[in-house]
N, C-alpha and C. Protein backbone atom coordinates (compact mmCIF):
# COMPACT_ATOMS: atom_id res chain seq x y z
N MET A 1 0.83 -1.21 0.00
CA MET A 1 0.00 0.00 0.00
C MET A 1 0.86 1.26 0.00
N ILE A 2 1.94 1.24 0.80
CA ILE A 2 2.78 2.43 0.92
C ILE A 2 3.49 2.73 -0.39
N ARG A 3 3.99 1.68 -1.03
CA ARG A 3 4.71 1.89 -2.30
C ARG A 3 3.76 2.38 -3.38
N GLU A 4 2.52 1.88 -3.37
CA GLU A 4 1.53 2.34 -4.35
C GLU A 4 1.20 3.81 -4.14
N LEU A 5 1.11 4.23 -2.86
CA LEU A 5 0.86 5.64 -2.57
C LEU A 5 2.03 6.50 -3.03
N LYS A 6 3.25 6.05 -2.78
CA LYS A 6 4.44 6.79 -3.20
C LYS A 6 4.49 6.90 -4.72
N GLN A 7 4.12 5.82 -5.40
CA GLN A 7 4.13 5.83 -6.87
C GLN A 7 3.08 6.80 -7.40
N ALA A 8 1.90 6.81 -6.78
CA ALA A 8 0.85 7.75 -7.21
C ALA A 8 1.29 9.19 -6.97
N GLU A 9 1.98 9.43 -5.86
CA GLU A 9 2.46 10.77 -5.54
C GLU A 9 3.50 11.23 -6.55
N GLU A 10 4.39 10.32 -6.97
CA GLU A 10 5.48 10.69 -7.86
C GLU A 10 5.05 10.78 -9.31
N GLU A 11 4.12 9.88 -9.74
CA GLU A 11 3.80 9.78 -11.17
C GLU A 11 2.50 10.48 -11.55
N ASN A 12 1.59 10.65 -10.60
CA ASN A 12 0.30 11.25 -10.94
C ASN A 12 -0.21 12.03 -9.74
N GLY A 13 0.11 13.32 -9.69
CA GLY A 13 -0.30 14.16 -8.57
C GLY A 13 -1.80 14.23 -8.39
N HIS A 14 -2.55 14.14 -9.49
CA HIS A 14 -4.02 14.20 -9.42
C HIS A 14 -4.56 13.00 -8.65
N ARG A 15 -4.06 11.80 -8.97
CA ARG A 15 -4.53 10.59 -8.28
C ARG A 15 -4.19 10.66 -6.79
N TYR A 16 -2.98 11.14 -6.47
CA TYR A 16 -2.57 11.26 -5.07
C TYR A 16 -3.47 12.25 -4.34
N GLN A 17 -3.76 13.37 -4.98
CA GLN A 17 -4.62 14.39 -4.36
C GLN A 17 -6.03 13.85 -4.16
N THR A 18 -6.51 13.03 -5.11
CA THR A 18 -7.83 12.43 -4.98
C THR A 18 -7.90 11.53 -3.75
N VAL A 19 -6.85 10.72 -3.54
CA VAL A 19 -6.81 9.86 -2.36
C VAL A 19 -6.88 10.68 -1.08
N CYS A 20 -6.11 11.76 -1.00
CA CYS A 20 -6.09 12.61 0.19
C CYS A 20 -7.45 13.27 0.43
N GLU A 21 -8.07 13.75 -0.64
CA GLU A 21 -9.37 14.43 -0.49
C GLU A 21 -10.45 13.46 -0.03
N LEU A 22 -10.47 12.25 -0.60
CA LEU A 22 -11.46 11.27 -0.19
C LEU A 22 -11.22 10.81 1.23
N LEU A 23 -9.96 10.65 1.61
CA LEU A 23 -9.65 10.24 2.98
C LEU A 23 -10.11 11.30 3.98
N SER A 24 -10.04 12.58 3.59
CA SER A 24 -10.50 13.65 4.48
C SER A 24 -12.01 13.61 4.69
N GLN A 25 -12.74 13.03 3.73
CA GLN A 25 -14.18 12.86 3.89
C GLN A 25 -14.50 11.66 4.79
N VAL A 26 -13.62 10.67 4.78
CA VAL A 26 -13.80 9.51 5.66
C VAL A 26 -13.44 9.88 7.10
N VAL A 27 -12.33 10.61 7.27
CA VAL A 27 -11.85 11.01 8.59
C VAL A 27 -11.84 12.53 8.67
N PRO A 28 -12.83 13.15 9.32
CA PRO A 28 -12.88 14.61 9.40
C PRO A 28 -11.60 15.19 10.01
N GLY A 29 -11.10 16.24 9.37
CA GLY A 29 -9.89 16.88 9.86
C GLY A 29 -8.62 16.36 9.24
N MET A 30 -8.70 15.20 8.59
CA MET A 30 -7.51 14.63 7.94
C MET A 30 -7.20 15.45 6.69
N THR A 31 -5.97 15.93 6.58
CA THR A 31 -5.62 16.78 5.44
C THR A 31 -4.67 16.11 4.46
N GLY A 32 -4.03 15.03 4.87
CA GLY A 32 -3.11 14.39 3.94
C GLY A 32 -2.42 13.19 4.55
N VAL A 33 -1.79 12.42 3.69
CA VAL A 33 -0.99 11.27 4.11
C VAL A 33 0.18 11.17 3.15
N GLU A 34 1.32 10.80 3.66
CA GLU A 34 2.51 10.72 2.81
C GLU A 34 3.43 9.59 3.27
N PRO A 35 4.19 9.02 2.34
CA PRO A 35 5.16 8.00 2.72
C PRO A 35 6.23 8.61 3.61
N LEU A 36 6.67 7.85 4.62
CA LEU A 36 7.69 8.32 5.55
C LEU A 36 8.81 7.30 5.63
N PRO A 37 10.00 7.64 5.10
CA PRO A 37 11.12 6.70 5.17
C PRO A 37 11.56 6.47 6.62
N GLN A 38 11.82 5.21 6.94
CA GLN A 38 12.40 4.85 8.23
C GLN A 38 13.51 3.84 7.98
N GLY A 39 14.71 4.34 7.91
CA GLY A 39 15.83 3.49 7.55
C GLY A 39 15.67 3.03 6.12
N ASN A 40 15.72 1.71 5.90
CA ASN A 40 15.53 1.17 4.55
C ASN A 40 14.10 0.72 4.31
N LYS A 41 13.17 1.18 5.15
CA LYS A 41 11.76 0.82 5.01
C LYS A 41 10.91 2.07 4.87
N LEU A 42 9.65 1.86 4.53
CA LEU A 42 8.70 2.96 4.40
C LEU A 42 7.52 2.74 5.34
N THR A 43 7.05 3.81 5.96
CA THR A 43 5.80 3.78 6.71
C THR A 43 4.99 4.98 6.25
N LEU A 44 3.93 5.32 6.97
CA LEU A 44 3.06 6.42 6.57
C LEU A 44 2.99 7.48 7.67
N LYS A 45 2.84 8.72 7.24
CA LYS A 45 2.61 9.83 8.17
C LYS A 45 1.31 10.52 7.76
N PHE A 46 0.42 10.68 8.71
CA PHE A 46 -0.88 11.31 8.47
C PHE A 46 -0.89 12.71 9.06
N TRP A 47 -1.55 13.63 8.34
CA TRP A 47 -1.66 15.01 8.80
C TRP A 47 -3.12 15.32 9.12
N GLN A 48 -3.32 15.96 10.27
CA GLN A 48 -4.68 16.31 10.69
C GLN A 48 -4.68 17.73 11.24
N GLU A 49 -5.76 18.47 10.93
CA GLU A 49 -5.91 19.83 11.41
C GLU A 49 -7.08 19.95 12.36
N THR A 50 -6.91 20.74 13.42
CA THR A 50 -7.99 21.05 14.34
C THR A 50 -8.03 22.55 14.59
N LYS A 51 -9.19 23.03 14.99
CA LYS A 51 -9.34 24.45 15.32
C LYS A 51 -9.70 24.59 16.79
N LYS A 52 -9.05 25.54 17.45
CA LYS A 52 -9.35 25.80 18.86
C LYS A 52 -9.17 27.28 19.12
N GLN A 53 -10.25 27.89 19.59
CA GLN A 53 -10.24 29.32 19.91
C GLN A 53 -9.78 30.15 18.72
N GLY A 54 -10.27 29.78 17.53
CA GLY A 54 -9.97 30.52 16.32
C GLY A 54 -8.61 30.26 15.73
N LYS A 55 -7.82 29.39 16.32
CA LYS A 55 -6.49 29.08 15.82
C LYS A 55 -6.47 27.68 15.21
N LYS A 56 -5.66 27.52 14.17
CA LYS A 56 -5.50 26.22 13.53
C LYS A 56 -4.27 25.51 14.09
N PHE A 57 -4.44 24.24 14.35
CA PHE A 57 -3.33 23.42 14.81
C PHE A 57 -3.18 22.24 13.86
N ARG A 58 -1.96 21.96 13.46
CA ARG A 58 -1.68 20.85 12.53
C ARG A 58 -0.85 19.81 13.23
N TRP A 59 -1.35 18.58 13.17
CA TRP A 59 -0.69 17.49 13.87
C TRP A 59 -0.30 16.40 12.86
N SER A 60 0.76 15.69 13.18
CA SER A 60 1.14 14.53 12.37
C SER A 60 1.13 13.29 13.25
N PHE A 61 0.71 12.17 12.65
CA PHE A 61 0.62 10.90 13.36
C PHE A 61 1.23 9.80 12.51
N PRO A 62 1.98 8.89 13.11
CA PRO A 62 2.45 7.73 12.36
C PRO A 62 1.31 6.73 12.17
N ALA A 63 1.49 5.82 11.22
CA ALA A 63 0.45 4.85 10.92
C ALA A 63 0.08 4.02 12.15
N LEU A 64 1.03 3.81 13.04
CA LEU A 64 0.80 3.01 14.25
C LEU A 64 -0.30 3.60 15.11
N ASN A 65 -0.49 4.93 15.04
CA ASN A 65 -1.48 5.59 15.88
C ASN A 65 -2.84 5.76 15.21
N MET A 66 -2.98 5.28 13.97
CA MET A 66 -4.24 5.44 13.26
C MET A 66 -5.11 4.20 13.45
N SER A 67 -6.43 4.39 13.35
CA SER A 67 -7.36 3.29 13.55
C SER A 67 -7.31 2.31 12.38
N ASP A 68 -7.77 1.08 12.64
CA ASP A 68 -7.83 0.08 11.58
C ASP A 68 -8.73 0.55 10.45
N GLY A 69 -9.83 1.23 10.80
CA GLY A 69 -10.76 1.72 9.78
C GLY A 69 -10.12 2.74 8.86
N THR A 70 -9.32 3.64 9.43
CA THR A 70 -8.62 4.65 8.61
C THR A 70 -7.64 3.99 7.66
N LEU A 71 -6.87 3.02 8.15
CA LEU A 71 -5.89 2.34 7.31
C LEU A 71 -6.58 1.51 6.23
N ARG A 72 -7.71 0.88 6.59
CA ARG A 72 -8.43 0.08 5.60
C ARG A 72 -9.03 0.98 4.52
N ALA A 73 -9.63 2.11 4.92
CA ALA A 73 -10.18 3.05 3.95
C ALA A 73 -9.09 3.56 3.02
N LEU A 74 -7.93 3.87 3.58
CA LEU A 74 -6.81 4.34 2.75
C LEU A 74 -6.40 3.27 1.75
N GLY A 75 -6.31 2.03 2.19
CA GLY A 75 -5.94 0.94 1.29
C GLY A 75 -6.91 0.80 0.13
N ILE A 76 -8.20 0.92 0.42
CA ILE A 76 -9.22 0.82 -0.62
C ILE A 76 -9.09 1.97 -1.62
N LEU A 77 -8.90 3.18 -1.11
CA LEU A 77 -8.78 4.36 -1.98
C LEU A 77 -7.53 4.28 -2.85
N ILE A 78 -6.44 3.77 -2.29
CA ILE A 78 -5.21 3.60 -3.09
C ILE A 78 -5.43 2.56 -4.17
N ALA A 79 -6.11 1.46 -3.82
CA ALA A 79 -6.37 0.41 -4.82
C ALA A 79 -7.17 0.95 -6.00
N LEU A 80 -8.10 1.86 -5.72
CA LEU A 80 -8.93 2.42 -6.78
C LEU A 80 -8.20 3.45 -7.62
N ASN A 81 -7.11 4.01 -7.09
CA ASN A 81 -6.40 5.09 -7.78
C ASN A 81 -4.94 4.74 -8.06
N GLN A 82 -4.62 3.45 -8.08
CA GLN A 82 -3.22 3.06 -8.26
C GLN A 82 -2.74 3.28 -9.69
N ILE A 83 -1.44 3.40 -9.81
CA ILE A 83 -0.76 3.58 -11.07
C ILE A 83 0.24 2.44 -11.25
N PRO A 84 0.23 1.72 -12.40
CA PRO A 84 -0.67 1.87 -13.55
C PRO A 84 -2.08 1.37 -13.22
N ILE A 85 -3.04 1.77 -14.04
CA ILE A 85 -4.44 1.42 -13.79
C ILE A 85 -4.64 -0.07 -14.07
N PRO A 86 -5.16 -0.82 -13.09
CA PRO A 86 -5.38 -2.26 -13.30
C PRO A 86 -6.70 -2.51 -14.02
N PRO A 87 -6.83 -3.61 -14.75
CA PRO A 87 -8.10 -3.92 -15.42
C PRO A 87 -9.19 -4.33 -14.44
N LEU A 88 -8.81 -4.86 -13.27
CA LEU A 88 -9.78 -5.33 -12.28
C LEU A 88 -9.31 -4.97 -10.88
N VAL A 89 -10.24 -4.43 -10.07
CA VAL A 89 -9.98 -4.17 -8.66
C VAL A 89 -11.04 -4.93 -7.86
N ALA A 90 -10.62 -5.84 -6.99
CA ALA A 90 -11.54 -6.63 -6.18
C ALA A 90 -11.39 -6.24 -4.72
N ILE A 91 -12.50 -5.87 -4.09
CA ILE A 91 -12.51 -5.44 -2.69
C ILE A 91 -13.44 -6.35 -1.91
N GLU A 92 -12.92 -6.99 -0.87
CA GLU A 92 -13.74 -7.88 -0.05
C GLU A 92 -14.22 -7.16 1.20
N GLU A 93 -15.52 -7.09 1.37
CA GLU A 93 -16.17 -6.52 2.55
C GLU A 93 -15.56 -5.16 2.94
N PRO A 94 -15.77 -4.13 2.13
CA PRO A 94 -15.20 -2.81 2.44
C PRO A 94 -15.75 -2.21 3.73
N GLU A 95 -16.90 -2.73 4.21
CA GLU A 95 -17.50 -2.18 5.42
C GLU A 95 -16.77 -2.57 6.70
N ALA A 96 -15.88 -3.57 6.62
CA ALA A 96 -15.20 -4.07 7.82
C ALA A 96 -14.36 -2.97 8.47
N THR A 97 -14.58 -2.74 9.75
CA THR A 97 -13.87 -1.78 10.62
C THR A 97 -14.07 -0.32 10.22
N ILE A 98 -14.95 -0.05 9.26
CA ILE A 98 -15.16 1.33 8.79
C ILE A 98 -16.49 1.85 9.31
N HIS A 99 -16.51 3.08 9.78
CA HIS A 99 -17.73 3.70 10.32
C HIS A 99 -18.80 3.72 9.24
N PRO A 100 -20.05 3.35 9.58
CA PRO A 100 -21.13 3.32 8.57
C PRO A 100 -21.31 4.65 7.84
N GLY A 101 -21.03 5.75 8.53
CA GLY A 101 -21.20 7.06 7.91
C GLY A 101 -20.21 7.33 6.79
N ALA A 102 -19.12 6.56 6.76
CA ALA A 102 -18.09 6.76 5.72
C ALA A 102 -18.30 5.86 4.52
N LEU A 103 -19.25 4.93 4.60
CA LEU A 103 -19.42 3.97 3.50
C LEU A 103 -19.89 4.64 2.21
N GLY A 104 -20.66 5.72 2.35
CA GLY A 104 -21.12 6.44 1.16
C GLY A 104 -19.96 7.01 0.37
N VAL A 105 -18.90 7.46 1.06
CA VAL A 105 -17.71 7.99 0.39
C VAL A 105 -17.05 6.88 -0.43
N LEU A 106 -16.94 5.69 0.16
CA LEU A 106 -16.32 4.57 -0.56
C LEU A 106 -17.17 4.15 -1.75
N MET A 107 -18.49 4.14 -1.58
CA MET A 107 -19.36 3.77 -2.70
C MET A 107 -19.24 4.77 -3.84
N ASP A 108 -19.14 6.05 -3.51
CA ASP A 108 -18.94 7.07 -4.55
C ASP A 108 -17.60 6.84 -5.25
N ALA A 109 -16.59 6.43 -4.48
CA ALA A 109 -15.27 6.16 -5.06
C ALA A 109 -15.33 4.94 -5.98
N PHE A 110 -16.09 3.91 -5.59
CA PHE A 110 -16.27 2.75 -6.46
C PHE A 110 -16.93 3.17 -7.77
N ASN A 111 -17.97 3.98 -7.65
CA ASN A 111 -18.72 4.40 -8.83
C ASN A 111 -17.87 5.23 -9.77
N GLU A 112 -16.99 6.05 -9.21
CA GLU A 112 -16.09 6.88 -10.04
C GLU A 112 -14.98 6.02 -10.64
N GLY A 113 -14.51 5.03 -9.88
CA GLY A 113 -13.42 4.20 -10.34
C GLY A 113 -13.78 3.24 -11.46
N LYS A 114 -15.08 2.95 -11.61
CA LYS A 114 -15.49 1.98 -12.64
C LYS A 114 -15.27 2.51 -14.06
N ALA A 115 -15.00 3.82 -14.18
CA ALA A 115 -14.68 4.37 -15.50
C ALA A 115 -13.27 3.96 -15.93
N ARG A 116 -12.44 3.53 -14.96
CA ARG A 116 -11.05 3.15 -15.27
C ARG A 116 -10.84 1.64 -15.19
N SER A 117 -11.49 0.98 -14.24
CA SER A 117 -11.29 -0.45 -14.02
C SER A 117 -12.63 -1.11 -13.74
N GLN A 118 -12.68 -2.42 -13.92
CA GLN A 118 -13.83 -3.17 -13.46
C GLN A 118 -13.70 -3.31 -11.95
N ILE A 119 -14.77 -2.96 -11.22
CA ILE A 119 -14.76 -3.00 -9.76
C ILE A 119 -15.64 -4.14 -9.30
N LEU A 120 -15.06 -5.05 -8.52
CA LEU A 120 -15.79 -6.17 -7.96
C LEU A 120 -15.77 -6.04 -6.44
N VAL A 121 -16.95 -5.94 -5.83
CA VAL A 121 -17.07 -5.75 -4.38
C VAL A 121 -17.93 -6.86 -3.81
N THR A 122 -17.43 -7.52 -2.78
CA THR A 122 -18.25 -8.50 -2.06
C THR A 122 -18.62 -7.90 -0.71
N THR A 123 -19.86 -8.15 -0.26
CA THR A 123 -20.32 -7.52 0.98
C THR A 123 -21.46 -8.30 1.61
N HIS A 124 -21.61 -8.13 2.93
CA HIS A 124 -22.77 -8.60 3.67
C HIS A 124 -23.51 -7.40 4.26
N CYS A 125 -23.18 -6.20 3.82
CA CYS A 125 -23.66 -4.97 4.45
C CYS A 125 -24.89 -4.41 3.74
N PRO A 126 -26.05 -4.35 4.40
CA PRO A 126 -27.26 -3.78 3.79
C PRO A 126 -27.09 -2.31 3.41
N ASP A 127 -26.31 -1.56 4.20
CA ASP A 127 -26.15 -0.12 3.93
C ASP A 127 -25.51 0.12 2.56
N LEU A 128 -24.57 -0.74 2.17
CA LEU A 128 -23.94 -0.57 0.86
C LEU A 128 -24.94 -0.79 -0.27
N LEU A 129 -25.86 -1.74 -0.07
CA LEU A 129 -26.83 -2.06 -1.12
C LEU A 129 -27.84 -0.94 -1.33
N ASP A 130 -27.98 -0.06 -0.36
CA ASP A 130 -28.94 1.04 -0.49
C ASP A 130 -28.35 2.25 -1.22
N HIS A 131 -27.09 2.17 -1.64
CA HIS A 131 -26.50 3.29 -2.38
C HIS A 131 -27.14 3.38 -3.76
N PRO A 132 -27.39 4.60 -4.27
CA PRO A 132 -28.08 4.77 -5.56
C PRO A 132 -27.40 4.09 -6.74
N SER A 133 -26.09 3.84 -6.65
CA SER A 133 -25.38 3.22 -7.78
C SER A 133 -25.66 1.72 -7.89
N VAL A 134 -26.25 1.11 -6.87
CA VAL A 134 -26.51 -0.33 -6.89
C VAL A 134 -27.85 -0.60 -7.56
N THR A 135 -27.83 -1.37 -8.64
CA THR A 135 -29.05 -1.75 -9.36
C THR A 135 -29.03 -3.26 -9.58
N ASP A 136 -30.16 -3.80 -10.06
CA ASP A 136 -30.19 -5.23 -10.32
C ASP A 136 -29.25 -5.62 -11.46
N GLU A 137 -28.84 -4.64 -12.27
CA GLU A 137 -27.92 -4.93 -13.37
C GLU A 137 -26.50 -5.18 -12.88
N ASN A 138 -26.09 -4.53 -11.79
CA ASN A 138 -24.71 -4.73 -11.31
C ASN A 138 -24.65 -5.47 -9.98
N LEU A 139 -25.80 -6.02 -9.55
CA LEU A 139 -25.85 -6.77 -8.30
C LEU A 139 -26.00 -8.26 -8.60
N ARG A 140 -25.15 -9.06 -7.98
CA ARG A 140 -25.23 -10.52 -8.11
C ARG A 140 -25.25 -11.14 -6.71
N LEU A 141 -26.00 -12.24 -6.59
CA LEU A 141 -26.10 -12.95 -5.32
C LEU A 141 -25.29 -14.23 -5.40
N VAL A 142 -24.61 -14.55 -4.32
CA VAL A 142 -23.77 -15.74 -4.28
C VAL A 142 -24.47 -16.82 -3.47
N GLU A 143 -24.57 -18.01 -4.05
CA GLU A 143 -25.19 -19.14 -3.35
C GLU A 143 -24.32 -20.38 -3.50
N PHE A 144 -24.35 -21.20 -2.47
CA PHE A 144 -23.64 -22.47 -2.49
C PHE A 144 -24.67 -23.58 -2.68
N ARG A 145 -24.59 -24.26 -3.83
CA ARG A 145 -25.57 -25.29 -4.16
C ARG A 145 -24.86 -26.58 -4.58
N GLU A 146 -25.13 -27.63 -3.85
CA GLU A 146 -24.64 -28.96 -4.21
C GLU A 146 -23.14 -28.96 -4.54
N GLY A 147 -22.37 -28.34 -3.66
CA GLY A 147 -20.92 -28.34 -3.84
C GLY A 147 -20.38 -27.29 -4.79
N GLU A 148 -21.25 -26.40 -5.28
CA GLU A 148 -20.80 -25.36 -6.20
C GLU A 148 -21.20 -23.99 -5.67
N THR A 149 -20.30 -23.02 -5.82
CA THR A 149 -20.61 -21.63 -5.48
C THR A 149 -21.00 -20.90 -6.76
N LEU A 150 -22.24 -20.41 -6.80
CA LEU A 150 -22.78 -19.80 -8.02
C LEU A 150 -23.03 -18.32 -7.85
N LEU A 151 -22.86 -17.59 -8.94
CA LEU A 151 -23.11 -16.16 -9.00
C LEU A 151 -24.39 -15.96 -9.80
N LEU A 152 -25.45 -15.46 -9.13
CA LEU A 152 -26.78 -15.43 -9.74
C LEU A 152 -27.37 -14.03 -9.78
N PRO A 153 -28.17 -13.72 -10.80
CA PRO A 153 -28.84 -12.42 -10.86
C PRO A 153 -29.97 -12.33 -9.84
N VAL A 154 -30.42 -11.11 -9.57
CA VAL A 154 -31.52 -10.88 -8.63
C VAL A 154 -32.80 -11.47 -9.20
N GLY A 155 -33.58 -12.13 -8.34
CA GLY A 155 -34.80 -12.78 -8.79
C GLY A 155 -35.94 -11.82 -9.04
N ALA A 156 -36.96 -12.31 -9.75
CA ALA A 156 -38.10 -11.48 -10.14
C ALA A 156 -38.88 -10.96 -8.94
N VAL A 157 -39.00 -11.77 -7.89
CA VAL A 157 -39.75 -11.35 -6.70
C VAL A 157 -39.09 -10.14 -6.05
N SER A 158 -37.77 -10.21 -5.89
CA SER A 158 -37.03 -9.09 -5.29
C SER A 158 -37.09 -7.85 -6.18
N LYS A 159 -36.96 -8.06 -7.51
CA LYS A 159 -37.03 -6.94 -8.44
C LYS A 159 -38.39 -6.24 -8.35
N SER A 160 -39.45 -7.03 -8.22
CA SER A 160 -40.80 -6.47 -8.14
C SER A 160 -40.96 -5.62 -6.89
N ALA A 161 -40.43 -6.10 -5.76
CA ALA A 161 -40.52 -5.33 -4.52
C ALA A 161 -39.78 -4.00 -4.64
N ILE A 162 -38.64 -4.01 -5.32
CA ILE A 162 -37.87 -2.78 -5.51
C ILE A 162 -38.63 -1.83 -6.44
N LYS A 163 -39.16 -2.36 -7.54
CA LYS A 163 -39.86 -1.54 -8.52
C LYS A 163 -41.09 -0.88 -7.91
N LYS A 164 -41.79 -1.59 -7.05
CA LYS A 164 -43.00 -1.06 -6.40
C LYS A 164 -42.66 -0.21 -5.17
N ARG A 165 -41.37 -0.08 -4.87
CA ARG A 165 -40.88 0.70 -3.73
C ARG A 165 -41.43 0.18 -2.41
N LEU A 166 -41.58 -1.13 -2.34
CA LEU A 166 -42.02 -1.76 -1.10
C LEU A 166 -40.83 -1.97 -0.15
N ALA A 167 -39.65 -2.00 -0.70
CA ALA A 167 -38.45 -2.20 0.11
C ALA A 167 -37.24 -1.79 -0.72
N THR A 168 -36.11 -1.66 -0.04
CA THR A 168 -34.84 -1.41 -0.72
C THR A 168 -34.03 -2.72 -0.72
N TYR A 169 -32.94 -2.74 -1.49
CA TYR A 169 -32.10 -3.93 -1.49
C TYR A 169 -31.57 -4.22 -0.09
N GLY A 170 -31.20 -3.16 0.62
CA GLY A 170 -30.69 -3.34 1.98
C GLY A 170 -31.75 -3.92 2.91
N GLU A 171 -32.97 -3.43 2.80
CA GLU A 171 -34.06 -3.96 3.65
C GLU A 171 -34.36 -5.41 3.32
N LEU A 172 -34.34 -5.76 2.04
CA LEU A 172 -34.56 -7.15 1.66
C LEU A 172 -33.47 -8.06 2.21
N LEU A 173 -32.23 -7.57 2.19
CA LEU A 173 -31.12 -8.36 2.73
C LEU A 173 -31.28 -8.55 4.23
N ARG A 174 -31.67 -7.49 4.94
CA ARG A 174 -31.86 -7.59 6.40
C ARG A 174 -32.94 -8.61 6.74
N GLU A 175 -33.98 -8.69 5.91
CA GLU A 175 -35.10 -9.59 6.17
C GLU A 175 -34.92 -10.97 5.52
N ASN A 176 -33.73 -11.18 4.95
CA ASN A 176 -33.43 -12.45 4.27
C ASN A 176 -34.42 -12.72 3.13
N GLN A 177 -34.82 -11.65 2.43
CA GLN A 177 -35.78 -11.76 1.34
C GLN A 177 -35.17 -11.39 -0.01
N LEU A 178 -33.87 -11.20 -0.05
CA LEU A 178 -33.18 -10.90 -1.31
C LEU A 178 -32.82 -12.24 -1.96
N VAL A 179 -33.62 -12.63 -2.92
CA VAL A 179 -33.49 -13.98 -3.48
C VAL A 179 -33.01 -13.91 -4.93
N PRO A 180 -32.25 -14.93 -5.36
CA PRO A 180 -31.75 -14.95 -6.74
C PRO A 180 -32.78 -15.47 -7.71
N GLN A 181 -32.51 -15.24 -8.98
CA GLN A 181 -33.37 -15.74 -10.06
C GLN A 181 -33.07 -17.21 -10.32
N GLU A 182 -34.13 -17.96 -10.54
CA GLU A 182 -33.92 -19.34 -10.96
C GLU A 182 -33.36 -19.34 -12.38
N HIS A 183 -32.68 -20.39 -12.76
CA HIS A 183 -31.98 -20.41 -14.04
C HIS A 183 -32.95 -20.30 -15.22
N PRO A 184 -32.94 -19.19 -15.96
CA PRO A 184 -33.72 -19.13 -17.20
C PRO A 184 -33.09 -20.03 -18.26
N PRO A 185 -33.86 -20.49 -19.23
CA PRO A 185 -33.34 -21.43 -20.24
C PRO A 185 -32.13 -20.91 -20.99
N SER A 186 -32.08 -19.60 -21.23
CA SER A 186 -31.00 -19.06 -22.06
C SER A 186 -29.81 -18.57 -21.25
N TRP A 187 -29.86 -18.79 -19.91
CA TRP A 187 -28.81 -18.23 -19.06
C TRP A 187 -28.04 -19.35 -18.37
N LYS A 188 -26.73 -19.28 -18.46
CA LYS A 188 -25.90 -20.26 -17.80
C LYS A 188 -25.28 -19.63 -16.56
N PRO A 189 -25.48 -20.22 -15.38
CA PRO A 189 -24.93 -19.62 -14.15
C PRO A 189 -23.42 -19.55 -14.20
N GLN A 190 -22.86 -18.47 -13.62
CA GLN A 190 -21.42 -18.30 -13.59
C GLN A 190 -20.88 -19.06 -12.38
N LEU A 191 -19.96 -19.94 -12.61
CA LEU A 191 -19.41 -20.78 -11.55
C LEU A 191 -18.15 -20.14 -11.00
N LEU A 192 -18.14 -19.89 -9.68
CA LEU A 192 -16.96 -19.33 -9.05
C LEU A 192 -15.99 -20.43 -8.64
N PHE A 193 -16.49 -21.42 -7.93
CA PHE A 193 -15.64 -22.50 -7.46
C PHE A 193 -16.36 -23.82 -7.68
N ASP A 194 -15.62 -24.82 -8.07
CA ASP A 194 -16.18 -26.15 -8.26
C ASP A 194 -15.31 -27.12 -7.45
N PHE A 195 -15.86 -27.59 -6.34
CA PHE A 195 -15.10 -28.48 -5.48
C PHE A 195 -15.25 -29.92 -5.98
N GLN A 196 -14.19 -30.48 -6.48
CA GLN A 196 -14.21 -31.84 -6.99
C GLN A 196 -13.83 -32.81 -5.88
N PRO A 197 -14.43 -33.99 -5.86
CA PRO A 197 -14.07 -34.98 -4.83
C PRO A 197 -12.63 -35.41 -4.99
N LEU A 198 -11.99 -35.69 -3.86
CA LEU A 198 -10.60 -36.14 -3.89
C LEU A 198 -10.53 -37.55 -4.49
N PRO A 199 -9.52 -37.83 -5.26
CA PRO A 199 -9.38 -39.19 -5.84
C PRO A 199 -9.17 -40.22 -4.73
N LYS A 200 -9.76 -41.37 -4.93
CA LYS A 200 -9.63 -42.42 -3.94
C LYS A 200 -8.21 -42.97 -3.95
N LYS A 201 -7.74 -43.25 -2.73
CA LYS A 201 -6.40 -43.83 -2.62
C LYS A 201 -6.44 -45.30 -3.03
N SER A 202 -5.48 -45.71 -3.81
CA SER A 202 -5.42 -47.10 -4.26
C SER A 202 -4.79 -48.00 -3.19
């Protein structure tokens, strides 16, 4: 993560500035982050500003003093803005250790990043599903059936509830009512993993 941030800072100032600006929305008062050499290694230094009695105070903190949520959010933002641009960015459970109020910032970053890379996000978080960018076209449900993990489109029942504004995707997930579509004749389910039985020992 640190080397990717340093590379973005050196090769593309716009991408580096984007990471800093988005991080400031996740952590109020955060003004920047930069690589910090320590001997032959690199760590991070974070800058934060506070106001007291009309005066501004600027503080710096090493990565060791930052919360897990701050470091995780930074890692996600760097992954979305890394140089060179990757064809695929996969993020597992971005909600982990991150304050719910900051998830909207990450979702906006995902939506902006999809213009450069394919973004794949896995989640169990209903709040993420309620973001306006989530539709039945870009939402897939994962199910484990008979030894296979399948990636399935949203089912007609769930789509109908959304269309009639009876519930949101997040509410359906909370109530365990977000169900996948049964296999239509012209659609072949996408297989993620296929667990084959171990060969018998002779």
